[in-house]
Amino acid sequence: MRHALITAGTKGLGRKVTEALKEKGYTLTVTYRKKDEAYYRMKKQWEEESSRIQFVQGDMVSKQDVERMVEEAYTAFGRLDVVVNNAGPYIFEKKQLADYSDEEWHRMIDGNLSAAFHLARKAIPIMRRQQFGRFVTYGFQNAPTAPGWIYRSAYAAAKSGLVSLTKSISIEEAPHGITANMVCPGLVTGDFKEADIHEGREVTDHSIPVGRPATGGDIARTILFLTDDDADMITGSVIEVTGGVDVLHKRR
């Protein structure tokens, strides 16, 4: 039975990924930063399947917490096949570079770039022994071109660096049966983060070229494909799931 570690997997896009992997039969380690309503809701919903699912608390900004997540996943289930790095801090307030504090800058870099490094460094030796692994990171539209993103400079810098890290992992670990890919969600807002694709299709949104809002189900479906056993030929890819919307300029 495959085992997956999903960071920030109790709510939003992470919850949909967790649900999708659970339906596929995975055992799961789901991380969360604090015991909020989403955590208690998921734990109660799945309490009868506690033998398949464990919850681990931790902050992605902390190297010690990130490494412990991997250790607890492996200790509990004896293997680690998939890592979905869904977590990553984000500053919603519009801020120009000159207005960032040192703390905000380091939180963006540590939580979005360094955390992925610590996750991968800890997980890769396990995956090498298995000769199988799937590593999935999150980016943003056009991240491979290192675009400027007004009011999001720290986040954009971290994610652009994460593109290179993800691609480097894909090259180095290909001989070991390990793939590394990045998924770039478009505008997934509000309740649609935990909605299925069919729910999105029930709503018309003319601001999105495909005519409907993006959902967490769209992201989860993409990640299911990338983590499949037969997806070994897809590695080092950056896949945008945007419905054609121009995310960067829409958020000016």
Protein backbone atom coordinates (compact mmCIF):
# COMPACT_ATOMS: atom_id res chain seq x y z
CA MET A 1 0.00 0.00 0.00
CA ARG A 2 1.43 3.37 -1.02
CA HIS A 3 1.94 6.06 1.61
CA ALA A 4 1.62 9.81 1.01
CA LEU A 5 2.64 12.83 3.06
CA ILE A 6 0.50 15.91 2.37
CA THR A 7 1.52 19.15 4.04
CA ALA A 8 -1.34 21.42 5.13
CA GLY A 9 -3.70 18.66 4.11
CA THR A 10 -6.67 19.38 6.36
CA LYS A 11 -8.25 22.27 4.46
CA GLY A 12 -8.43 24.05 1.14
CA LEU A 13 -6.61 22.54 -1.81
CA GLY A 14 -4.72 20.25 0.53
CA ARG A 15 -7.93 18.70 1.79
CA LYS A 16 -9.01 17.81 -1.74
CA VAL A 17 -5.63 16.21 -2.42
CA THR A 18 -5.88 14.27 0.83
CA GLU A 19 -9.37 13.06 -0.04
CA ALA A 20 -8.30 12.01 -3.53
CA LEU A 21 -5.32 10.00 -2.32
CA LYS A 22 -7.44 8.42 0.39
CA GLU A 23 -9.99 7.32 -2.20
CA LYS A 24 -7.16 5.78 -4.21
CA GLY A 25 -6.24 3.61 -1.23
CA TYR A 26 -3.20 5.38 0.16
CA THR A 27 -2.25 5.48 3.79
CA LEU A 28 -1.74 9.11 4.75
CA THR A 29 0.26 11.45 6.91
CA VAL A 30 -1.51 14.80 6.95
CA THR A 31 0.20 17.81 8.45
CA TYR A 32 -1.40 20.90 9.94
CA ARG A 33 -0.05 24.06 11.56
CA LYS A 34 -2.65 24.46 14.30
CA LYS A 35 -5.66 22.61 15.66
CA ASP A 36 -8.37 24.66 14.01
CA GLU A 37 -11.90 23.81 12.92
CA ALA A 38 -10.69 22.15 9.71
CA TYR A 39 -8.38 19.84 11.65
CA TYR A 40 -11.09 18.70 14.07
CA ARG A 41 -13.59 18.28 11.24
CA MET A 42 -11.31 15.99 9.25
CA LYS A 43 -10.17 14.01 12.27
CA LYS A 44 -13.76 13.36 13.35
CA GLN A 45 -14.86 12.49 9.82
CA TRP A 46 -12.15 9.86 9.45
CA GLU A 47 -11.83 8.62 13.04
CA GLU A 48 -12.94 5.12 12.02
CA GLU A 49 -9.98 4.91 9.64
CA SER A 50 -7.32 6.04 12.09
CA SER A 51 -5.17 3.04 11.18
CA ARG A 52 -4.71 4.53 7.70
CA ILE A 53 -4.32 8.19 8.60
CA GLN A 54 -2.12 10.07 11.03
CA PHE A 55 -2.07 13.80 11.72
CA VAL A 56 1.21 15.58 12.45
CA GLN A 57 1.46 19.16 13.67
CA GLY A 58 4.21 21.42 12.39
CA ASP A 59 5.16 24.75 10.85
CA MET A 60 6.76 24.69 7.40
CA VAL A 61 9.04 27.57 8.40
CA SER A 62 10.73 25.32 10.97
CA LYS A 63 13.40 22.96 9.63
CA GLN A 64 12.97 20.74 12.69
CA ASP A 65 9.22 20.49 12.17
CA VAL A 66 9.58 19.68 8.48
CA GLU A 67 12.12 16.93 9.08
CA ARG A 68 9.97 15.50 11.88
CA MET A 69 7.00 15.28 9.50
CA VAL A 70 8.96 12.94 7.25
CA GLU A 71 10.32 10.94 10.18
CA GLU A 72 6.87 10.40 11.67
CA ALA A 73 5.41 9.41 8.29
CA TYR A 74 8.09 6.79 7.76
CA THR A 75 8.06 5.53 11.34
CA ALA A 76 4.29 5.01 11.31
CA PHE A 77 3.93 3.33 7.92
CA GLY A 78 7.38 2.01 6.99
CA ARG A 79 7.56 3.72 3.62
CA LEU A 80 7.06 7.05 1.90
CA ASP A 81 5.98 7.05 -1.73
CA VAL A 82 4.48 10.48 -2.32
CA VAL A 83 5.20 13.92 -0.91
CA VAL A 84 2.79 16.71 -1.83
CA ASN A 85 4.14 20.02 -0.59
CA ASN A 86 0.81 21.79 -0.48
CA ALA A 87 1.74 24.14 2.38
CA GLY A 88 3.34 27.52 1.90
CA PRO A 89 2.89 30.89 3.62
CA TYR A 90 1.43 33.77 1.63
CA ILE A 91 0.95 37.44 2.46
CA PHE A 92 -2.45 38.56 1.20
CA GLU A 93 -1.81 42.23 1.87
CA LYS A 94 -0.47 44.04 -1.19
CA LYS A 95 3.09 45.05 -0.35
CA GLN A 96 5.92 46.48 -2.38
CA LEU A 97 9.39 45.10 -1.79
CA ALA A 98 10.54 48.13 0.21
CA ASP A 99 7.72 47.58 2.69
CA TYR A 100 8.56 43.99 3.62
CA SER A 101 10.00 43.34 7.05
CA ASP A 102 12.91 40.94 7.44
CA GLU A 103 10.56 38.54 9.22
CA GLU A 104 8.07 38.57 6.33
CA TRP A 105 10.81 38.02 3.77
CA HIS A 106 12.34 35.10 5.64
CA ARG A 107 8.93 33.52 6.27
CA MET A 108 8.17 33.59 2.54
CA ILE A 109 11.55 32.13 1.58
CA ASP A 110 11.77 29.62 4.42
CA GLY A 111 8.17 28.44 4.12
CA ASN A 112 8.01 28.20 0.33
CA LEU A 113 11.56 27.31 -0.74
CA SER A 114 13.67 26.09 2.17
CA ALA A 115 10.82 23.88 3.42
CA ALA A 116 10.75 22.03 0.10
CA PHE A 117 14.51 21.51 0.33
CA HIS A 118 14.25 20.06 3.83
CA LEU A 119 11.31 17.85 2.82
CA ALA A 120 13.12 16.50 -0.23
CA ARG A 121 16.45 15.98 1.52
CA LYS A 122 14.76 13.92 4.22
CA ALA A 123 12.42 11.98 1.92
CA ILE A 124 14.75 11.19 -0.97
CA PRO A 125 16.90 8.58 0.84
CA ILE A 126 13.72 6.68 1.73
CA MET A 127 12.46 6.88 -1.84
CA ARG A 128 15.83 5.76 -3.21
CA ARG A 129 15.70 2.60 -1.11
CA GLN A 130 12.22 1.92 -2.50
CA GLN A 131 13.30 2.82 -6.05
CA PHE A 132 10.06 4.79 -6.22
CA GLY A 133 8.96 8.26 -5.27
CA ARG A 134 6.73 11.12 -6.33
CA PHE A 135 7.50 14.68 -5.23
CA VAL A 136 5.00 17.45 -6.04
CA THR A 137 5.47 21.15 -5.37
CA TYR A 138 3.21 24.14 -5.98
CA GLY A 139 4.05 27.23 -8.02
CA PHE A 140 2.27 30.05 -9.80
CA GLN A 141 1.54 30.97 -13.40
CA ASN A 142 4.65 31.44 -15.56
CA ALA A 143 6.92 30.57 -12.63
CA PRO A 144 9.49 28.88 -14.93
CA THR A 145 10.19 32.25 -16.57
CA ALA A 146 10.81 33.93 -13.18
CA PRO A 147 8.30 36.70 -13.90
CA GLY A 148 7.88 39.78 -11.80
CA TRP A 149 4.73 39.79 -9.67
CA ILE A 150 3.75 43.17 -8.34
CA TYR A 151 3.11 43.23 -4.56
CA ARG A 152 4.19 39.57 -4.30
CA SER A 153 7.97 39.88 -4.71
CA ALA A 154 9.00 37.62 -1.82
CA TYR A 155 6.52 34.89 -2.71
CA ALA A 156 7.42 35.10 -6.41
CA ALA A 157 11.13 34.89 -5.67
CA ALA A 158 10.65 31.81 -3.48
CA LYS A 159 8.45 30.00 -5.99
CA SER A 160 10.71 30.85 -8.94
CA GLY A 161 13.58 29.31 -6.99
CA LEU A 162 11.38 26.31 -6.27
CA VAL A 163 10.99 25.70 -10.00
CA SER A 164 14.74 25.22 -10.33
CA LEU A 165 14.87 23.07 -7.21
CA THR A 166 12.04 20.86 -8.47
CA LYS A 167 13.67 20.44 -11.87
CA SER A 168 17.05 19.70 -10.28
CA ILE A 169 15.51 16.97 -8.15
CA SER A 170 13.88 15.48 -11.23
CA ILE A 171 17.25 15.15 -12.98
CA GLU A 172 19.24 13.89 -10.02
CA GLU A 173 16.69 11.33 -8.88
CA ALA A 174 15.44 9.97 -12.21
CA PRO A 175 17.73 6.90 -11.98
CA HIS A 176 16.09 6.03 -8.66
CA GLY A 177 12.49 5.95 -9.89
CA ILE A 178 11.72 9.32 -8.33
CA THR A 179 9.86 12.05 -10.20
CA ALA A 180 9.49 15.70 -9.25
CA ASN A 181 6.90 18.02 -10.76
CA MET A 182 5.25 21.35 -10.01
CA VAL A 183 1.56 22.20 -10.21
CA CYS A 184 0.56 25.86 -10.61
CA PRO A 185 -3.04 26.53 -9.55
CA GLY A 186 -4.97 29.42 -11.04
CA LEU A 187 -7.60 31.40 -9.17
CA VAL A 188 -9.18 28.93 -6.77
CA THR A 189 -11.20 30.97 -4.32
CA GLY A 190 -13.45 30.56 -1.29
CA ASP A 191 -15.52 27.40 -1.04
CA PHE A 192 -14.29 26.24 -4.44
CA LYS A 193 -10.99 25.26 -2.82
CA GLU A 194 -12.80 22.26 -1.32
CA ALA A 195 -15.23 21.74 -4.19
CA ASP A 196 -15.33 18.93 -6.73
CA ILE A 197 -15.03 19.54 -10.46
CA HIS A 198 -18.72 18.89 -11.07
CA GLU A 199 -19.58 21.62 -8.55
CA GLY A 200 -17.45 24.07 -10.49
CA ARG A 201 -19.23 23.14 -13.69
CA GLU A 202 -22.54 24.14 -12.15
CA VAL A 203 -21.36 27.77 -11.98
CA THR A 204 -20.79 30.14 -14.89
CA ASP A 205 -17.85 32.52 -14.57
CA HIS A 206 -17.14 34.60 -17.67
CA SER A 207 -13.96 36.04 -16.14
CA ILE A 208 -12.38 32.60 -16.62
CA PRO A 209 -11.75 31.69 -20.29
CA VAL A 210 -13.07 28.14 -19.82
CA GLY A 211 -16.26 29.62 -18.38
CA ARG A 212 -16.26 28.15 -14.89
CA PRO A 213 -14.36 28.57 -11.62
CA ALA A 214 -11.38 26.39 -10.80
CA THR A 215 -11.83 23.95 -7.93
CA GLY A 216 -9.72 22.00 -5.52
CA GLY A 217 -10.88 18.95 -7.44
CA ASP A 218 -9.05 20.20 -10.52
CA ILE A 219 -5.81 20.43 -8.58
CA ALA A 220 -6.29 17.07 -6.87
CA ARG A 221 -7.00 15.34 -10.19
CA THR A 222 -3.77 16.71 -11.65
CA ILE A 223 -1.76 15.55 -8.65
CA LEU A 224 -3.35 12.09 -8.77
CA PHE A 225 -2.14 11.80 -12.35
CA LEU A 226 1.40 12.93 -11.53
CA THR A 227 1.72 10.56 -8.57
CA ASP A 228 0.45 7.49 -10.41
CA ASP A 229 2.80 4.54 -10.79
CA ASP A 230 2.59 4.86 -14.56
CA ALA A 231 3.47 8.58 -14.60
CA ASP A 232 7.21 7.92 -14.45
CA MET A 233 7.84 9.58 -17.83
CA ILE A 234 6.56 12.90 -16.52
CA THR A 235 9.22 14.57 -14.42
CA GLY A 236 10.64 18.07 -14.22
CA SER A 237 7.36 19.43 -15.57
CA VAL A 238 5.55 22.58 -14.49
CA ILE A 239 1.83 22.18 -15.11
CA GLU A 240 -0.53 25.15 -14.98
CA VAL A 241 -4.12 24.48 -13.94
CA THR A 242 -5.58 27.93 -14.57
CA GLY A 243 -8.49 27.56 -16.97
CA GLY A 244 -6.68 30.07 -19.17
CA VAL A 245 -6.90 33.00 -16.75
CA ASP A 246 -4.01 35.46 -16.53
CA VAL A 247 -3.38 35.20 -12.81
CA LEU A 248 -0.48 37.61 -12.55
CA HIS A 249 -2.12 40.56 -14.26
CA LYS A 250 -5.54 39.85 -12.80
CA ARG A 251 -4.12 40.47 -9.33
CA ARG A 252 -2.55 43.86 -10.00
